[in-house]
Amino acid sequence: MSALNVALLGLVLAAPPVAAAEALYSVDGQNLHVQTLGRAGPGVVFESGLGADSHAWDKVAGPISGFGQVILYDRAGLGQSQPLQAADPVTAETVATRLHALLDAVGVPPPWVLVGHSLGGLYLQMFARTYPADVAGLVLLDSTIAEEPPELDPLWQMEPGTAEYLEGAGMPESSRQVRTAGPFPDVPLTVMAATDHGTDLHALEPVLLRFQARLAEMSPQGRLVIAEGSGHQIQDDRPDLVIDAVREIAER
């Protein structure tokens, strides 16, 4: 890459958000915090991973707002959204239903480009299967899979009662819901696979890659992108790949 290209890439990645606005929306008895960026282009909806808020997308939201209408939100109990009203496990069906109602309230018309990381990717798989006509395409970053193999049991410690804990507790049911939902739509799908999940998971890298490849097969228009050298947080380690993948779908 030439010095000029490197400089231009730096300017793109550092681009400030365009026309930012924030609001709280009441959905299903929960007040959800939403930030919108950008004035034109398709709606681009971001779904963060387990226990993460919308700041997970800080490195990519601004540049994407230059060609799309970015919609960032915090799930119930996370970020600036209201705490969870019930101490029940959070499931993909609940998240997808709330998100659809929220997007209707925000007013950016479908079809939307969906971008999900980790557990957020599983939630968006449910969304796409439930509302296929409203989906323009998906970008899934190291997404959770519905067929979680035994060797990938959760390795994290979570505080009981927190939103993170309740999302983790709902993962088995979320996976079942995705497996039994309607078919995945025939839309552009980019699945990104990290290659460096740390020492604890080094031996499982081939397993992780194999399951990401399976996700890419959900759509006839699916493709697998291997984010070489990236850890699980691809949007932080390789924001350029994420921006390019979203742009490609948006331009369709």
C-alpha atoms as a PDB file:
ATOM      1  CA  MET A   1       0.000   0.000   0.000  1.00  0.00           C
ATOM      2  CA  SER A   2       1.431   3.371  -1.002  1.00  0.00           C
ATOM      3  CA  ALA A   3       2.056   6.177   1.483  1.00  0.00           C
ATOM      4  CA  LEU A   4      -0.785   8.137  -0.137  1.00  0.00           C
ATOM      5  CA  ASN A   5      -3.220   5.257   0.277  1.00  0.00           C
ATOM      6  CA  VAL A   6      -2.190   4.821   3.887  1.00  0.00           C
ATOM      7  CA  ALA A   7      -2.793   8.524   4.517  1.00  0.00           C
ATOM      8  CA  LEU A   8      -6.198   8.393   2.824  1.00  0.00           C
ATOM      9  CA  LEU A   9      -7.173   5.316   4.825  1.00  0.00           C
ATOM     10  CA  GLY A  10      -6.234   7.143   8.007  1.00  0.00           C
ATOM     11  CA  LEU A  11      -8.466  10.043   7.047  1.00  0.00           C
ATOM     12  CA  VAL A  12     -11.391   7.711   6.334  1.00  0.00           C
ATOM     13  CA  LEU A  13     -11.034   5.836   9.611  1.00  0.00           C
ATOM     14  CA  ALA A  14     -10.753   9.093  11.539  1.00  0.00           C
ATOM     15  CA  ALA A  15     -13.746  10.708   9.813  1.00  0.00           C
ATOM     16  CA  PRO A  16     -16.140  12.288  12.312  1.00  0.00           C
ATOM     17  CA  PRO A  17     -19.750  11.085  12.534  1.00  0.00           C
ATOM     18  CA  VAL A  18     -22.180  12.907  10.241  1.00  0.00           C
ATOM     19  CA  ALA A  19     -25.363  14.547  11.595  1.00  0.00           C
ATOM     20  CA  ALA A  20     -25.415  12.723  14.931  1.00  0.00           C
ATOM     21  CA  ALA A  21     -28.669  12.576  16.901  1.00  0.00           C
ATOM     22  CA  GLU A  22     -29.558  10.708  20.118  1.00  0.00           C
ATOM     23  CA  ALA A  23     -32.918   9.710  21.602  1.00  0.00           C
ATOM     24  CA  LEU A  24     -34.642   7.243  23.924  1.00  0.00           C
ATOM     25  CA  TYR A  25     -37.439   5.078  22.510  1.00  0.00           C
ATOM     26  CA  SER A  26     -39.905   3.063  24.568  1.00  0.00           C
ATOM     27  CA  VAL A  27     -40.178  -0.460  23.155  1.00  0.00           C
ATOM     28  CA  ASP A  28     -41.814  -3.405  24.910  1.00  0.00           C
ATOM     29  CA  GLY A  29     -41.696  -1.573  28.238  1.00  0.00           C
ATOM     30  CA  GLN A  30     -37.993  -0.777  27.864  1.00  0.00           C
ATOM     31  CA  ASN A  31     -36.387   2.593  27.147  1.00  0.00           C
ATOM     32  CA  LEU A  32     -33.717   1.980  24.526  1.00  0.00           C
ATOM     33  CA  HIS A  33     -30.975   4.475  23.714  1.00  0.00           C
ATOM     34  CA  VAL A  34     -30.417   5.135  20.001  1.00  0.00           C
ATOM     35  CA  GLN A  35     -27.853   7.206  18.141  1.00  0.00           C
ATOM     36  CA  THR A  36     -28.239   7.901  14.434  1.00  0.00           C
ATOM     37  CA  LEU A  37     -25.505   9.174  12.118  1.00  0.00           C
ATOM     38  CA  GLY A  38     -25.619  10.157   8.459  1.00  0.00           C
ATOM     39  CA  ARG A  39     -28.125  11.850   6.179  1.00  0.00           C
ATOM     40  CA  ALA A  40     -28.464   9.575   3.159  1.00  0.00           C
ATOM     41  CA  GLY A  41     -28.069   6.026   1.930  1.00  0.00           C
ATOM     42  CA  PRO A  42     -29.496   2.769   3.268  1.00  0.00           C
ATOM     43  CA  GLY A  43     -30.051   2.200   6.966  1.00  0.00           C
ATOM     44  CA  VAL A  44     -27.128   0.340   8.551  1.00  0.00           C
ATOM     45  CA  VAL A  45     -28.036  -1.307  11.857  1.00  0.00           C
ATOM     46  CA  PHE A  46     -25.389  -2.463  14.343  1.00  0.00           C
ATOM     47  CA  GLU A  47     -25.825  -5.232  16.949  1.00  0.00           C
ATOM     48  CA  SER A  48     -23.062  -5.550  19.548  1.00  0.00           C
ATOM     49  CA  GLY A  49     -21.746  -8.716  21.167  1.00  0.00           C
ATOM     50  CA  LEU A  50     -22.455 -10.216  24.579  1.00  0.00           C
ATOM     51  CA  GLY A  51     -22.822  -7.513  27.231  1.00  0.00           C
ATOM     52  CA  ALA A  52     -21.425  -4.800  24.922  1.00  0.00           C
ATOM     53  CA  ASP A  53     -22.979  -1.422  24.163  1.00  0.00           C
ATOM     54  CA  SER A  54     -22.942   0.659  20.994  1.00  0.00           C
ATOM     55  CA  HIS A  55     -19.430   1.998  21.684  1.00  0.00           C
ATOM     56  CA  ALA A  56     -18.206  -1.316  20.297  1.00  0.00           C
ATOM     57  CA  TRP A  57     -18.626   0.316  16.858  1.00  0.00           C
ATOM     58  CA  ASP A  58     -16.715   3.565  17.490  1.00  0.00           C
ATOM     59  CA  LYS A  59     -14.038   2.823  14.878  1.00  0.00           C
ATOM     60  CA  VAL A  60     -16.432   2.091  12.009  1.00  0.00           C
ATOM     61  CA  ALA A  61     -19.645   4.078  12.629  1.00  0.00           C
ATOM     62  CA  GLY A  62     -18.271   7.458  11.550  1.00  0.00           C
ATOM     63  CA  PRO A  63     -16.823   6.359   8.207  1.00  0.00           C
ATOM     64  CA  ILE A  64     -19.934   4.295   7.378  1.00  0.00           C
ATOM     65  CA  SER A  65     -22.157   7.299   8.102  1.00  0.00           C
ATOM     66  CA  GLY A  66     -20.591   8.902   5.044  1.00  0.00           C
ATOM     67  CA  PHE A  67     -22.534   6.534   2.759  1.00  0.00           C
ATOM     68  CA  GLY A  68     -25.302   5.141   4.968  1.00  0.00           C
ATOM     69  CA  GLN A  69     -27.722   6.093   7.725  1.00  0.00           C
ATOM     70  CA  VAL A  70     -26.106   4.480  10.763  1.00  0.00           C
ATOM     71  CA  ILE A  71     -28.337   3.264  13.584  1.00  0.00           C
ATOM     72  CA  LEU A  72     -26.555   2.423  16.846  1.00  0.00           C
ATOM     73  CA  TYR A  73     -28.434   1.274  19.914  1.00  0.00           C
ATOM     74  CA  ASP A  74     -27.900  -0.230  23.344  1.00  0.00           C
ATOM     75  CA  ARG A  75     -29.847  -3.365  24.186  1.00  0.00           C
ATOM     76  CA  ALA A  76     -31.923  -3.322  27.377  1.00  0.00           C
ATOM     77  CA  GLY A  77     -29.703  -3.118  30.450  1.00  0.00           C
ATOM     78  CA  LEU A  78     -26.630  -1.995  28.518  1.00  0.00           C
ATOM     79  CA  GLY A  79     -25.039   1.383  27.853  1.00  0.00           C
ATOM     80  CA  GLN A  80     -27.506   4.238  28.213  1.00  0.00           C
ATOM     81  CA  SER A  81     -30.620   2.078  27.869  1.00  0.00           C
ATOM     82  CA  GLN A  82     -32.923   1.411  30.804  1.00  0.00           C
ATOM     83  CA  PRO A  83     -32.096  -1.585  33.044  1.00  0.00           C
ATOM     84  CA  LEU A  84     -33.866  -4.831  32.204  1.00  0.00           C
ATOM     85  CA  GLN A  85     -37.381  -4.905  33.622  1.00  0.00           C
ATOM     86  CA  ALA A  86     -37.330  -8.674  34.166  1.00  0.00           C
ATOM     87  CA  ALA A  87     -34.581 -11.026  35.352  1.00  0.00           C
ATOM     88  CA  ASP A  88     -35.352 -13.594  32.657  1.00  0.00           C
ATOM     89  CA  PRO A  89     -32.789 -14.944  30.206  1.00  0.00           C
ATOM     90  CA  VAL A  90     -32.561 -12.764  27.100  1.00  0.00           C
ATOM     91  CA  THR A  91     -33.296 -14.637  23.865  1.00  0.00           C
ATOM     92  CA  ALA A  92     -32.744 -13.977  20.178  1.00  0.00           C
ATOM     93  CA  GLU A  93     -36.487 -13.838  19.545  1.00  0.00           C
ATOM     94  CA  THR A  94     -36.936 -11.088  22.129  1.00  0.00           C
ATOM     95  CA  VAL A  95     -33.993  -9.064  20.808  1.00  0.00           C
ATOM     96  CA  ALA A  96     -35.127  -9.391  17.169  1.00  0.00           C
ATOM     97  CA  THR A  97     -38.720  -8.410  17.966  1.00  0.00           C
ATOM     98  CA  ARG A  98     -37.634  -5.381  20.004  1.00  0.00           C
ATOM     99  CA  LEU A  99     -35.140  -4.296  17.368  1.00  0.00           C
ATOM    100  CA  HIS A 100     -37.739  -4.423  14.597  1.00  0.00           C
ATOM    101  CA  ALA A 101     -40.155  -2.320  16.633  1.00  0.00           C
ATOM    102  CA  LEU A 102     -37.343   0.097  17.474  1.00  0.00           C
ATOM    103  CA  LEU A 103     -36.370   0.521  13.828  1.00  0.00           C
ATOM    104  CA  ASP A 104     -39.988   1.256  12.925  1.00  0.00           C
ATOM    105  CA  ALA A 105     -39.999   3.959  15.607  1.00  0.00           C
ATOM    106  CA  VAL A 106     -36.688   5.461  14.457  1.00  0.00           C
ATOM    107  CA  GLY A 107     -38.139   5.864  10.977  1.00  0.00           C
ATOM    108  CA  VAL A 108     -35.225   4.915   8.709  1.00  0.00           C
ATOM    109  CA  PRO A 109     -37.045   2.777   6.129  1.00  0.00           C
ATOM    110  CA  PRO A 110     -36.116  -0.807   5.269  1.00  0.00           C
ATOM    111  CA  PRO A 111     -34.507  -2.759   3.833  1.00  0.00           C
ATOM    112  CA  TRP A 112     -31.620  -2.429   6.276  1.00  0.00           C
ATOM    113  CA  VAL A 113     -28.003  -3.587   6.167  1.00  0.00           C
ATOM    114  CA  LEU A 114     -27.385  -5.516   9.402  1.00  0.00           C
ATOM    115  CA  VAL A 115     -23.956  -5.672  11.055  1.00  0.00           C
ATOM    116  CA  GLY A 116     -23.494  -7.972  14.043  1.00  0.00           C
ATOM    117  CA  HIS A 117     -20.576  -9.039  16.208  1.00  0.00           C
ATOM    118  CA  SER A 118     -20.337 -12.288  18.194  1.00  0.00           C
ATOM    119  CA  LEU A 119     -23.648 -12.901  20.024  1.00  0.00           C
ATOM    120  CA  GLY A 120     -25.068  -9.907  18.158  1.00  0.00           C
ATOM    121  CA  GLY A 121     -24.522 -11.911  14.987  1.00  0.00           C
ATOM    122  CA  LEU A 122     -26.741 -14.689  16.325  1.00  0.00           C
ATOM    123  CA  TYR A 123     -29.429 -12.142  17.175  1.00  0.00           C
ATOM    124  CA  LEU A 124     -29.281 -10.779  13.620  1.00  0.00           C
ATOM    125  CA  GLN A 125     -29.540 -14.261  12.153  1.00  0.00           C
ATOM    126  CA  MET A 126     -32.851 -14.496  14.015  1.00  0.00           C
ATOM    127  CA  PHE A 127     -33.874 -11.050  12.752  1.00  0.00           C
ATOM    128  CA  ALA A 128     -33.115 -11.963   9.133  1.00  0.00           C
ATOM    129  CA  ARG A 129     -35.073 -15.216   9.376  1.00  0.00           C
ATOM    130  CA  THR A 130     -38.028 -13.453  11.010  1.00  0.00           C
ATOM    131  CA  TYR A 131     -38.175 -10.324   8.824  1.00  0.00           C
ATOM    132  CA  PRO A 132     -36.540 -11.373   5.524  1.00  0.00           C
ATOM    133  CA  ALA A 133     -38.260  -8.708   3.416  1.00  0.00           C
ATOM    134  CA  ASP A 134     -36.719  -5.967   5.575  1.00  0.00           C
ATOM    135  CA  VAL A 135     -33.110  -7.113   5.159  1.00  0.00           C
ATOM    136  CA  ALA A 136     -30.819  -5.805   2.398  1.00  0.00           C
ATOM    137  CA  GLY A 137     -27.802  -7.828   3.532  1.00  0.00           C
ATOM    138  CA  LEU A 138     -25.696  -8.795   6.538  1.00  0.00           C
ATOM    139  CA  VAL A 139     -22.121  -8.507   7.738  1.00  0.00           C
ATOM    140  CA  LEU A 140     -21.384 -10.936  10.595  1.00  0.00           C
ATOM    141  CA  LEU A 141     -18.140 -10.538  12.546  1.00  0.00           C
ATOM    142  CA  ASP A 142     -16.897 -13.690  14.287  1.00  0.00           C
ATOM    143  CA  SER A 143     -20.548 -14.469  14.906  1.00  0.00           C
ATOM    144  CA  THR A 144     -21.926 -16.918  17.423  1.00  0.00           C
ATOM    145  CA  ILE A 145     -23.346 -19.973  15.684  1.00  0.00           C
ATOM    146  CA  ALA A 146     -26.613 -21.782  16.397  1.00  0.00           C
ATOM    147  CA  GLU A 147     -24.836 -25.155  16.476  1.00  0.00           C
ATOM    148  CA  GLU A 148     -22.410 -24.338  19.291  1.00  0.00           C
ATOM    149  CA  PRO A 149     -20.027 -27.315  19.639  1.00  0.00           C
ATOM    150  CA  PRO A 150     -19.260 -28.688  23.141  1.00  0.00           C
ATOM    151  CA  GLU A 151     -15.631 -27.576  22.955  1.00  0.00           C
ATOM    152  CA  LEU A 152     -16.774 -23.950  22.763  1.00  0.00           C
ATOM    153  CA  ASP A 153     -18.541 -23.786  26.126  1.00  0.00           C
ATOM    154  CA  PRO A 154     -18.436 -20.246  27.564  1.00  0.00           C
ATOM    155  CA  LEU A 155     -15.069 -19.377  29.086  1.00  0.00           C
ATOM    156  CA  TRP A 156     -16.130 -16.102  30.705  1.00  0.00           C
ATOM    157  CA  GLN A 157     -17.263 -15.328  34.253  1.00  0.00           C
ATOM    158  CA  MET A 158     -20.365 -13.179  34.489  1.00  0.00           C
ATOM    159  CA  GLU A 159     -22.009 -11.474  37.448  1.00  0.00           C
ATOM    160  CA  PRO A 160     -25.468 -12.990  38.104  1.00  0.00           C
ATOM    161  CA  GLY A 161     -28.337 -10.641  37.405  1.00  0.00           C
ATOM    162  CA  THR A 162     -26.476  -8.393  34.968  1.00  0.00           C
ATOM    163  CA  ALA A 163     -27.602  -7.951  31.376  1.00  0.00           C
ATOM    164  CA  GLU A 164     -24.452  -9.782  30.258  1.00  0.00           C
ATOM    165  CA  TYR A 165     -25.306 -12.740  32.512  1.00  0.00           C
ATOM    166  CA  LEU A 166     -28.922 -12.873  31.291  1.00  0.00           C
ATOM    167  CA  GLU A 167     -27.824 -12.742  27.650  1.00  0.00           C
ATOM    168  CA  GLY A 168     -25.382 -15.574  28.310  1.00  0.00           C
ATOM    169  CA  ALA A 169     -28.057 -17.559  30.143  1.00  0.00           C
ATOM    170  CA  GLY A 170     -30.339 -17.192  27.128  1.00  0.00           C
ATOM    171  CA  MET A 171     -27.821 -18.503  24.598  1.00  0.00           C
ATOM    172  CA  PRO A 172     -29.052 -22.138  24.511  1.00  0.00           C
ATOM    173  CA  GLU A 173     -32.632 -21.013  23.887  1.00  0.00           C
ATOM    174  CA  SER A 174     -31.468 -18.358  21.419  1.00  0.00           C
ATOM    175  CA  SER A 175     -29.610 -21.027  19.456  1.00  0.00           C
ATOM    176  CA  ARG A 176     -32.694 -23.275  19.437  1.00  0.00           C
ATOM    177  CA  GLN A 177     -34.850 -20.400  18.221  1.00  0.00           C
ATOM    178  CA  VAL A 178     -32.492 -19.639  15.333  1.00  0.00           C
ATOM    179  CA  ARG A 179     -32.319 -23.317  14.330  1.00  0.00           C
ATOM    180  CA  THR A 180     -36.111 -23.592  14.204  1.00  0.00           C
ATOM    181  CA  ALA A 181     -36.869 -20.189  12.661  1.00  0.00           C
ATOM    182  CA  GLY A 182     -37.715 -19.615   9.007  1.00  0.00           C
ATOM    183  CA  PRO A 183     -35.160 -19.931   6.210  1.00  0.00           C
ATOM    184  CA  PHE A 184     -32.305 -17.484   5.887  1.00  0.00           C
ATOM    185  CA  PRO A 185     -33.043 -14.984   3.093  1.00  0.00           C
ATOM    186  CA  ASP A 186     -31.245 -14.949  -0.238  1.00  0.00           C
ATOM    187  CA  VAL A 187     -29.387 -11.689   0.413  1.00  0.00           C
ATOM    188  CA  PRO A 188     -25.734 -10.581   0.316  1.00  0.00           C
ATOM    189  CA  LEU A 189     -23.945 -12.018   3.346  1.00  0.00           C
ATOM    190  CA  THR A 190     -20.353 -11.386   4.401  1.00  0.00           C
ATOM    191  CA  VAL A 191     -19.023 -13.507   7.263  1.00  0.00           C
ATOM    192  CA  MET A 192     -15.718 -12.393   8.783  1.00  0.00           C
ATOM    193  CA  ALA A 193     -13.560 -14.838  10.712  1.00  0.00           C
ATOM    194  CA  ALA A 194     -10.840 -13.817  13.145  1.00  0.00           C
ATOM    195  CA  THR A 195      -7.611 -15.814  13.217  1.00  0.00           C
ATOM    196  CA  ASP A 196      -6.209 -15.036  16.676  1.00  0.00           C
ATOM    197  CA  HIS A 197      -8.549 -15.779  19.604  1.00  0.00           C
ATOM    198  CA  GLY A 198      -5.725 -15.927  22.126  1.00  0.00           C
ATOM    199  CA  THR A 199      -3.706 -18.657  23.765  1.00  0.00           C
ATOM    200  CA  ASP A 200      -6.677 -20.413  25.413  1.00  0.00           C
ATOM    201  CA  LEU A 201      -8.384 -21.015  22.067  1.00  0.00           C
ATOM    202  CA  HIS A 202      -5.330 -21.465  19.858  1.00  0.00           C
ATOM    203  CA  ALA A 203      -5.953 -25.191  19.386  1.00  0.00           C
ATOM    204  CA  LEU A 204      -9.559 -24.505  18.406  1.00  0.00           C
ATOM    205  CA  GLU A 205      -8.821 -22.018  15.607  1.00  0.00           C
ATOM    206  CA  PRO A 206      -9.581 -24.611  12.864  1.00  0.00           C
ATOM    207  CA  VAL A 207     -12.922 -25.378  14.541  1.00  0.00           C
ATOM    208  CA  LEU A 208     -13.814 -21.709  14.789  1.00  0.00           C
ATOM    209  CA  LEU A 209     -12.933 -21.116  11.139  1.00  0.00           C
ATOM    210  CA  ARG A 210     -14.939 -24.138  10.018  1.00  0.00           C
ATOM    211  CA  PHE A 211     -18.068 -22.867  11.719  1.00  0.00           C
ATOM    212  CA  GLN A 212     -17.650 -19.359  10.309  1.00  0.00           C
ATOM    213  CA  ALA A 213     -17.428 -20.943   6.862  1.00  0.00           C
ATOM    214  CA  ARG A 214     -20.689 -22.751   7.574  1.00  0.00           C
ATOM    215  CA  LEU A 215     -22.348 -19.436   8.404  1.00  0.00           C
ATOM    216  CA  ALA A 216     -21.304 -18.062   5.022  1.00  0.00           C
ATOM    217  CA  GLU A 217     -23.233 -20.920   3.406  1.00  0.00           C
ATOM    218  CA  MET A 218     -26.551 -19.716   4.861  1.00  0.00           C
ATOM    219  CA  SER A 219     -27.145 -17.530   1.793  1.00  0.00           C
ATOM    220  CA  PRO A 220     -26.438 -18.294  -1.881  1.00  0.00           C
ATOM    221  CA  GLN A 221     -24.834 -14.846  -1.894  1.00  0.00           C
ATOM    222  CA  GLY A 222     -22.659 -15.586   1.128  1.00  0.00           C
ATOM    223  CA  ARG A 223     -18.896 -15.185   1.271  1.00  0.00           C
ATOM    224  CA  LEU A 224     -16.232 -15.790   3.899  1.00  0.00           C
ATOM    225  CA  VAL A 225     -13.590 -13.151   4.629  1.00  0.00           C
ATOM    226  CA  ILE A 226     -10.668 -14.212   6.814  1.00  0.00           C
ATOM    227  CA  ALA A 227      -9.461 -11.265   8.897  1.00  0.00           C
ATOM    228  CA  GLU A 228      -5.812 -12.253   9.091  1.00  0.00           C
ATOM    229  CA  GLY A 229      -4.140 -11.287  12.360  1.00  0.00           C
ATOM    230  CA  SER A 230      -7.370 -10.087  13.938  1.00  0.00           C
ATOM    231  CA  GLY A 231      -8.643 -11.040  17.353  1.00  0.00           C
ATOM    232  CA  HIS A 232     -12.306 -11.550  18.169  1.00  0.00           C
ATOM    233  CA  GLN A 233     -12.973  -7.773  18.026  1.00  0.00           C
ATOM    234  CA  ILE A 234     -12.625  -7.495  14.263  1.00  0.00           C
ATOM    235  CA  GLN A 235     -14.243  -4.055  14.185  1.00  0.00           C
ATOM    236  CA  ASP A 236     -11.343  -2.799  16.330  1.00  0.00           C
ATOM    237  CA  ASP A 237      -8.506  -4.787  14.780  1.00  0.00           C
ATOM    238  CA  ARG A 238      -9.558  -4.547  11.115  1.00  0.00           C
ATOM    239  CA  PRO A 239     -12.047  -1.679  10.782  1.00  0.00           C
ATOM    240  CA  ASP A 240     -11.043  -1.285   7.137  1.00  0.00           C
ATOM    241  CA  LEU A 241     -12.454  -4.729   6.307  1.00  0.00           C
ATOM    242  CA  VAL A 242     -15.726  -3.978   8.069  1.00  0.00           C
ATOM    243  CA  ILE A 243     -16.178  -0.613   6.349  1.00  0.00           C
ATOM    244  CA  ASP A 244     -15.464  -2.128   2.927  1.00  0.00           C
ATOM    245  CA  ALA A 245     -17.893  -5.013   3.493  1.00  0.00           C
ATOM    246  CA  VAL A 246     -20.714  -2.695   4.535  1.00  0.00           C
ATOM    247  CA  ARG A 247     -19.996  -0.336   1.638  1.00  0.00           C
ATOM    248  CA  GLU A 248     -20.160  -3.189  -0.872  1.00  0.00           C
ATOM    249  CA  ILE A 249     -23.619  -4.233   0.307  1.00  0.00           C
ATOM    250  CA  ALA A 250     -24.848  -0.642   0.615  1.00  0.00           C
ATOM    251  CA  GLU A 251     -23.822   0.128  -2.958  1.00  0.00           C
ATOM    252  CA  ARG A 252     -25.884  -2.771  -4.268  1.00  0.00           C
END
